[in-house]
Amino acid sequence: MPDFATSVDRLLTQIHHWDERRWRAAPSPGAGISRSELAQGLVQRLADLGAEAENRAVRAVPHLHDLVLRDQLRVLADDILAAGPSDDLLDRAAMATDEIRAQL
Protein backbone atom coordinates (compact mmCIF):
# COMPACT_ATOMS: atom_id res chain seq x y z
CA MET A 1 0.00 0.00 0.00
CA PRO A 2 1.51 3.36 -1.02
CA ASP A 3 1.93 5.94 1.71
CA PHE A 4 0.33 9.22 0.65
CA ALA A 5 2.37 11.44 2.99
CA THR A 6 5.60 9.91 1.69
CA SER A 7 4.45 10.28 -1.92
CA VAL A 8 3.73 13.97 -1.40
CA ASP A 9 7.04 14.56 0.37
CA ARG A 10 8.92 12.92 -2.51
CA LEU A 11 7.09 15.05 -5.05
CA LEU A 12 7.70 18.27 -3.14
CA THR A 13 11.39 17.42 -2.77
CA GLN A 14 11.59 16.90 -6.53
CA ILE A 15 9.95 20.23 -7.44
CA HIS A 16 10.85 22.59 -4.58
CA HIS A 17 13.59 24.40 -6.51
CA TRP A 18 11.89 24.70 -9.91
CA ASP A 19 11.67 28.12 -11.54
CA GLU A 20 9.04 29.36 -13.99
CA ARG A 21 11.03 28.24 -17.02
CA ARG A 22 11.20 24.68 -15.74
CA TRP A 23 7.48 24.63 -14.91
CA ARG A 24 6.58 25.80 -18.41
CA ALA A 25 8.73 23.18 -20.13
CA ALA A 26 7.39 19.85 -21.30
CA PRO A 27 8.48 16.91 -19.15
CA SER A 28 9.72 15.12 -22.27
CA PRO A 29 10.07 15.99 -25.96
CA GLY A 30 6.73 15.88 -27.73
CA ALA A 31 4.75 15.54 -24.49
CA GLY A 32 2.28 18.22 -25.60
CA ILE A 33 1.73 19.37 -22.02
CA SER A 34 3.85 21.39 -19.60
CA ARG A 35 4.99 20.34 -16.16
CA SER A 36 2.75 23.09 -14.83
CA GLU A 37 -0.30 21.58 -16.52
CA LEU A 38 0.55 18.14 -15.13
CA ALA A 39 0.91 19.52 -11.62
CA GLN A 40 -2.27 21.57 -11.94
CA GLY A 41 -4.09 18.38 -12.88
CA LEU A 42 -2.80 16.79 -9.68
CA VAL A 43 -3.87 19.84 -7.67
CA GLN A 44 -7.40 19.40 -8.98
CA ARG A 45 -7.35 15.64 -8.37
CA LEU A 46 -6.23 16.12 -4.76
CA ALA A 47 -8.86 18.82 -4.27
CA ASP A 48 -11.51 16.40 -5.54
CA LEU A 49 -10.26 13.66 -3.21
CA GLY A 50 -10.24 16.15 -0.34
CA ALA A 51 -13.85 17.03 -1.10
CA GLU A 52 -14.70 13.34 -1.10
CA ALA A 53 -12.92 12.83 2.23
CA GLU A 54 -14.79 15.78 3.76
CA ASN A 55 -18.14 14.87 2.19
CA ARG A 56 -18.49 18.17 0.35
CA ALA A 57 -19.03 19.27 -3.22
CA VAL A 58 -16.17 19.31 -5.71
CA ARG A 59 -15.01 22.75 -6.84
CA ALA A 60 -12.56 23.87 -9.49
CA VAL A 61 -9.20 25.03 -8.16
CA PRO A 62 -7.92 28.17 -9.90
CA HIS A 63 -4.41 28.17 -11.30
CA LEU A 64 -2.78 31.03 -9.45
CA HIS A 65 0.86 30.88 -10.55
CA ASP A 66 3.35 28.13 -11.30
CA LEU A 67 5.51 29.04 -8.32
CA VAL A 68 2.68 28.39 -5.86
CA LEU A 69 1.86 24.92 -7.18
CA ARG A 70 4.06 23.29 -4.55
CA ASP A 71 2.24 25.25 -1.82
CA GLN A 72 -1.15 24.26 -3.22
CA LEU A 73 -0.05 20.62 -3.27
CA ARG A 74 1.16 20.78 0.35
CA VAL A 75 -2.05 22.41 1.60
CA LEU A 76 -4.30 19.98 -0.27
CA ALA A 77 -2.30 16.99 0.99
CA ASP A 78 -2.49 18.27 4.56
CA ASP A 79 -6.24 18.80 4.20
CA ILE A 80 -6.72 15.24 2.97
CA LEU A 81 -4.68 13.81 5.84
CA ALA A 82 -6.55 15.93 8.40
CA ALA A 83 -9.92 14.71 7.13
CA GLY A 84 -9.33 11.17 8.37
CA PRO A 85 -9.85 9.57 4.95
CA SER A 86 -10.35 5.90 4.20
CA ASP A 87 -7.39 3.72 3.23
CA ASP A 88 -8.86 3.47 -0.26
CA LEU A 89 -8.90 7.25 -0.68
CA LEU A 90 -5.31 7.52 0.61
CA ASP A 91 -4.26 4.82 -1.85
CA ARG A 92 -5.87 6.70 -4.74
CA ALA A 93 -4.23 9.95 -3.66
CA ALA A 94 -0.82 8.28 -3.38
CA MET A 95 -1.16 6.62 -6.77
CA ALA A 96 -2.18 9.90 -8.43
CA THR A 97 0.77 11.68 -6.80
CA ASP A 98 3.27 8.96 -7.73
CA GLU A 99 1.98 8.89 -11.32
CA ILE A 100 2.51 12.63 -11.78
CA ARG A 101 5.88 12.54 -10.04
CA ALA A 102 7.04 9.88 -12.50
CA GLN A 103 5.84 11.99 -15.45
CA LEU A 104 7.50 15.18 -14.26
C-alpha atoms as a PDB file:
ATOM      1  CA  MET A   1       0.000   0.000   0.000  1.00  0.00           C
ATOM      2  CA  PRO A   2       1.510   3.359  -1.021  1.00  0.00           C
ATOM      3  CA  ASP A   3       1.927   5.941   1.712  1.00  0.00           C
ATOM      4  CA  PHE A   4       0.329   9.219   0.647  1.00  0.00           C
ATOM      5  CA  ALA A   5       2.366  11.438   2.992  1.00  0.00           C
ATOM      6  CA  THR A   6       5.598   9.914   1.687  1.00  0.00           C
ATOM      7  CA  SER A   7       4.451  10.282  -1.920  1.00  0.00           C
ATOM      8  CA  VAL A   8       3.731  13.970  -1.404  1.00  0.00           C
ATOM      9  CA  ASP A   9       7.044  14.557   0.368  1.00  0.00           C
ATOM     10  CA  ARG A  10       8.918  12.925  -2.511  1.00  0.00           C
ATOM     11  CA  LEU A  11       7.092  15.050  -5.051  1.00  0.00           C
ATOM     12  CA  LEU A  12       7.699  18.270  -3.138  1.00  0.00           C
ATOM     13  CA  THR A  13      11.389  17.416  -2.765  1.00  0.00           C
ATOM     14  CA  GLN A  14      11.586  16.896  -6.525  1.00  0.00           C
ATOM     15  CA  ILE A  15       9.947  20.225  -7.439  1.00  0.00           C
ATOM     16  CA  HIS A  16      10.853  22.586  -4.579  1.00  0.00           C
ATOM     17  CA  HIS A  17      13.591  24.397  -6.514  1.00  0.00           C
ATOM     18  CA  TRP A  18      11.889  24.700  -9.908  1.00  0.00           C
ATOM     19  CA  ASP A  19      11.666  28.119 -11.535  1.00  0.00           C
ATOM     20  CA  GLU A  20       9.036  29.365 -13.994  1.00  0.00           C
ATOM     21  CA  ARG A  21      11.025  28.241 -17.023  1.00  0.00           C
ATOM     22  CA  ARG A  22      11.200  24.676 -15.740  1.00  0.00           C
ATOM     23  CA  TRP A  23       7.478  24.634 -14.908  1.00  0.00           C
ATOM     24  CA  ARG A  24       6.577  25.804 -18.413  1.00  0.00           C
ATOM     25  CA  ALA A  25       8.725  23.179 -20.130  1.00  0.00           C
ATOM     26  CA  ALA A  26       7.394  19.852 -21.305  1.00  0.00           C
ATOM     27  CA  PRO A  27       8.481  16.913 -19.148  1.00  0.00           C
ATOM     28  CA  SER A  28       9.715  15.123 -22.267  1.00  0.00           C
ATOM     29  CA  PRO A  29      10.066  15.993 -25.958  1.00  0.00           C
ATOM     30  CA  GLY A  30       6.727  15.878 -27.726  1.00  0.00           C
ATOM     31  CA  ALA A  31       4.746  15.544 -24.490  1.00  0.00           C
ATOM     32  CA  GLY A  32       2.277  18.216 -25.602  1.00  0.00           C
ATOM     33  CA  ILE A  33       1.732  19.372 -22.023  1.00  0.00           C
ATOM     34  CA  SER A  34       3.847  21.386 -19.602  1.00  0.00           C
ATOM     35  CA  ARG A  35       4.995  20.337 -16.156  1.00  0.00           C
ATOM     36  CA  SER A  36       2.747  23.093 -14.828  1.00  0.00           C
ATOM     37  CA  GLU A  37      -0.296  21.579 -16.518  1.00  0.00           C
ATOM     38  CA  LEU A  38       0.546  18.140 -15.132  1.00  0.00           C
ATOM     39  CA  ALA A  39       0.915  19.520 -11.620  1.00  0.00           C
ATOM     40  CA  GLN A  40      -2.273  21.568 -11.938  1.00  0.00           C
ATOM     41  CA  GLY A  41      -4.093  18.379 -12.878  1.00  0.00           C
ATOM     42  CA  LEU A  42      -2.802  16.785  -9.680  1.00  0.00           C
ATOM     43  CA  VAL A  43      -3.868  19.844  -7.671  1.00  0.00           C
ATOM     44  CA  GLN A  44      -7.403  19.403  -8.976  1.00  0.00           C
ATOM     45  CA  ARG A  45      -7.354  15.638  -8.367  1.00  0.00           C
ATOM     46  CA  LEU A  46      -6.229  16.115  -4.763  1.00  0.00           C
ATOM     47  CA  ALA A  47      -8.862  18.820  -4.266  1.00  0.00           C
ATOM     48  CA  ASP A  48     -11.507  16.397  -5.544  1.00  0.00           C
ATOM     49  CA  LEU A  49     -10.257  13.660  -3.212  1.00  0.00           C
ATOM     50  CA  GLY A  50     -10.242  16.149  -0.338  1.00  0.00           C
ATOM     51  CA  ALA A  51     -13.846  17.033  -1.099  1.00  0.00           C
ATOM     52  CA  GLU A  52     -14.704  13.343  -1.099  1.00  0.00           C
ATOM     53  CA  ALA A  53     -12.918  12.832   2.229  1.00  0.00           C
ATOM     54  CA  GLU A  54     -14.786  15.780   3.758  1.00  0.00           C
ATOM     55  CA  ASN A  55     -18.137  14.873   2.193  1.00  0.00           C
ATOM     56  CA  ARG A  56     -18.487  18.165   0.353  1.00  0.00           C
ATOM     57  CA  ALA A  57     -19.031  19.267  -3.218  1.00  0.00           C
ATOM     58  CA  VAL A  58     -16.168  19.311  -5.706  1.00  0.00           C
ATOM     59  CA  ARG A  59     -15.012  22.749  -6.839  1.00  0.00           C
ATOM     60  CA  ALA A  60     -12.564  23.870  -9.486  1.00  0.00           C
ATOM     61  CA  VAL A  61      -9.201  25.033  -8.160  1.00  0.00           C
ATOM     62  CA  PRO A  62      -7.924  28.166  -9.898  1.00  0.00           C
ATOM     63  CA  HIS A  63      -4.412  28.172 -11.304  1.00  0.00           C
ATOM     64  CA  LEU A  64      -2.783  31.034  -9.446  1.00  0.00           C
ATOM     65  CA  HIS A  65       0.859  30.884 -10.549  1.00  0.00           C
ATOM     66  CA  ASP A  66       3.346  28.133 -11.298  1.00  0.00           C
ATOM     67  CA  LEU A  67       5.512  29.038  -8.324  1.00  0.00           C
ATOM     68  CA  VAL A  68       2.678  28.395  -5.857  1.00  0.00           C
ATOM     69  CA  LEU A  69       1.855  24.920  -7.183  1.00  0.00           C
ATOM     70  CA  ARG A  70       4.055  23.291  -4.549  1.00  0.00           C
ATOM     71  CA  ASP A  71       2.244  25.250  -1.819  1.00  0.00           C
ATOM     72  CA  GLN A  72      -1.146  24.256  -3.221  1.00  0.00           C
ATOM     73  CA  LEU A  73      -0.051  20.622  -3.271  1.00  0.00           C
ATOM     74  CA  ARG A  74       1.155  20.779   0.347  1.00  0.00           C
ATOM     75  CA  VAL A  75      -2.050  22.408   1.602  1.00  0.00           C
ATOM     76  CA  LEU A  76      -4.298  19.978  -0.266  1.00  0.00           C
ATOM     77  CA  ALA A  77      -2.299  16.994   0.991  1.00  0.00           C
ATOM     78  CA  ASP A  78      -2.487  18.273   4.561  1.00  0.00           C
ATOM     79  CA  ASP A  79      -6.242  18.796   4.197  1.00  0.00           C
ATOM     80  CA  ILE A  80      -6.722  15.236   2.973  1.00  0.00           C
ATOM     81  CA  LEU A  81      -4.677  13.807   5.836  1.00  0.00           C
ATOM     82  CA  ALA A  82      -6.546  15.927   8.404  1.00  0.00           C
ATOM     83  CA  ALA A  83      -9.924  14.707   7.130  1.00  0.00           C
ATOM     84  CA  GLY A  84      -9.326  11.170   8.369  1.00  0.00           C
ATOM     85  CA  PRO A  85      -9.854   9.567   4.953  1.00  0.00           C
ATOM     86  CA  SER A  86     -10.345   5.900   4.197  1.00  0.00           C
ATOM     87  CA  ASP A  87      -7.387   3.724   3.229  1.00  0.00           C
ATOM     88  CA  ASP A  88      -8.860   3.472  -0.264  1.00  0.00           C
ATOM     89  CA  LEU A  89      -8.897   7.254  -0.676  1.00  0.00           C
ATOM     90  CA  LEU A  90      -5.311   7.522   0.609  1.00  0.00           C
ATOM     91  CA  ASP A  91      -4.257   4.818  -1.853  1.00  0.00           C
ATOM     92  CA  ARG A  92      -5.874   6.698  -4.742  1.00  0.00           C
ATOM     93  CA  ALA A  93      -4.228   9.953  -3.659  1.00  0.00           C
ATOM     94  CA  ALA A  94      -0.821   8.278  -3.376  1.00  0.00           C
ATOM     95  CA  MET A  95      -1.163   6.618  -6.773  1.00  0.00           C
ATOM     96  CA  ALA A  96      -2.180   9.900  -8.429  1.00  0.00           C
ATOM     97  CA  THR A  97       0.773  11.677  -6.798  1.00  0.00           C
ATOM     98  CA  ASP A  98       3.267   8.960  -7.734  1.00  0.00           C
ATOM     99  CA  GLU A  99       1.979   8.893 -11.316  1.00  0.00           C
ATOM    100  CA  ILE A 100       2.508  12.626 -11.778  1.00  0.00           C
ATOM    101  CA  ARG A 101       5.881  12.543 -10.037  1.00  0.00           C
ATOM    102  CA  ALA A 102       7.040   9.883 -12.505  1.00  0.00           C
ATOM    103  CA  GLN A 103       5.843  11.987 -15.448  1.00  0.00           C
ATOM    104  CA  LEU A 104       7.500  15.177 -14.263  1.00  0.00           C
END
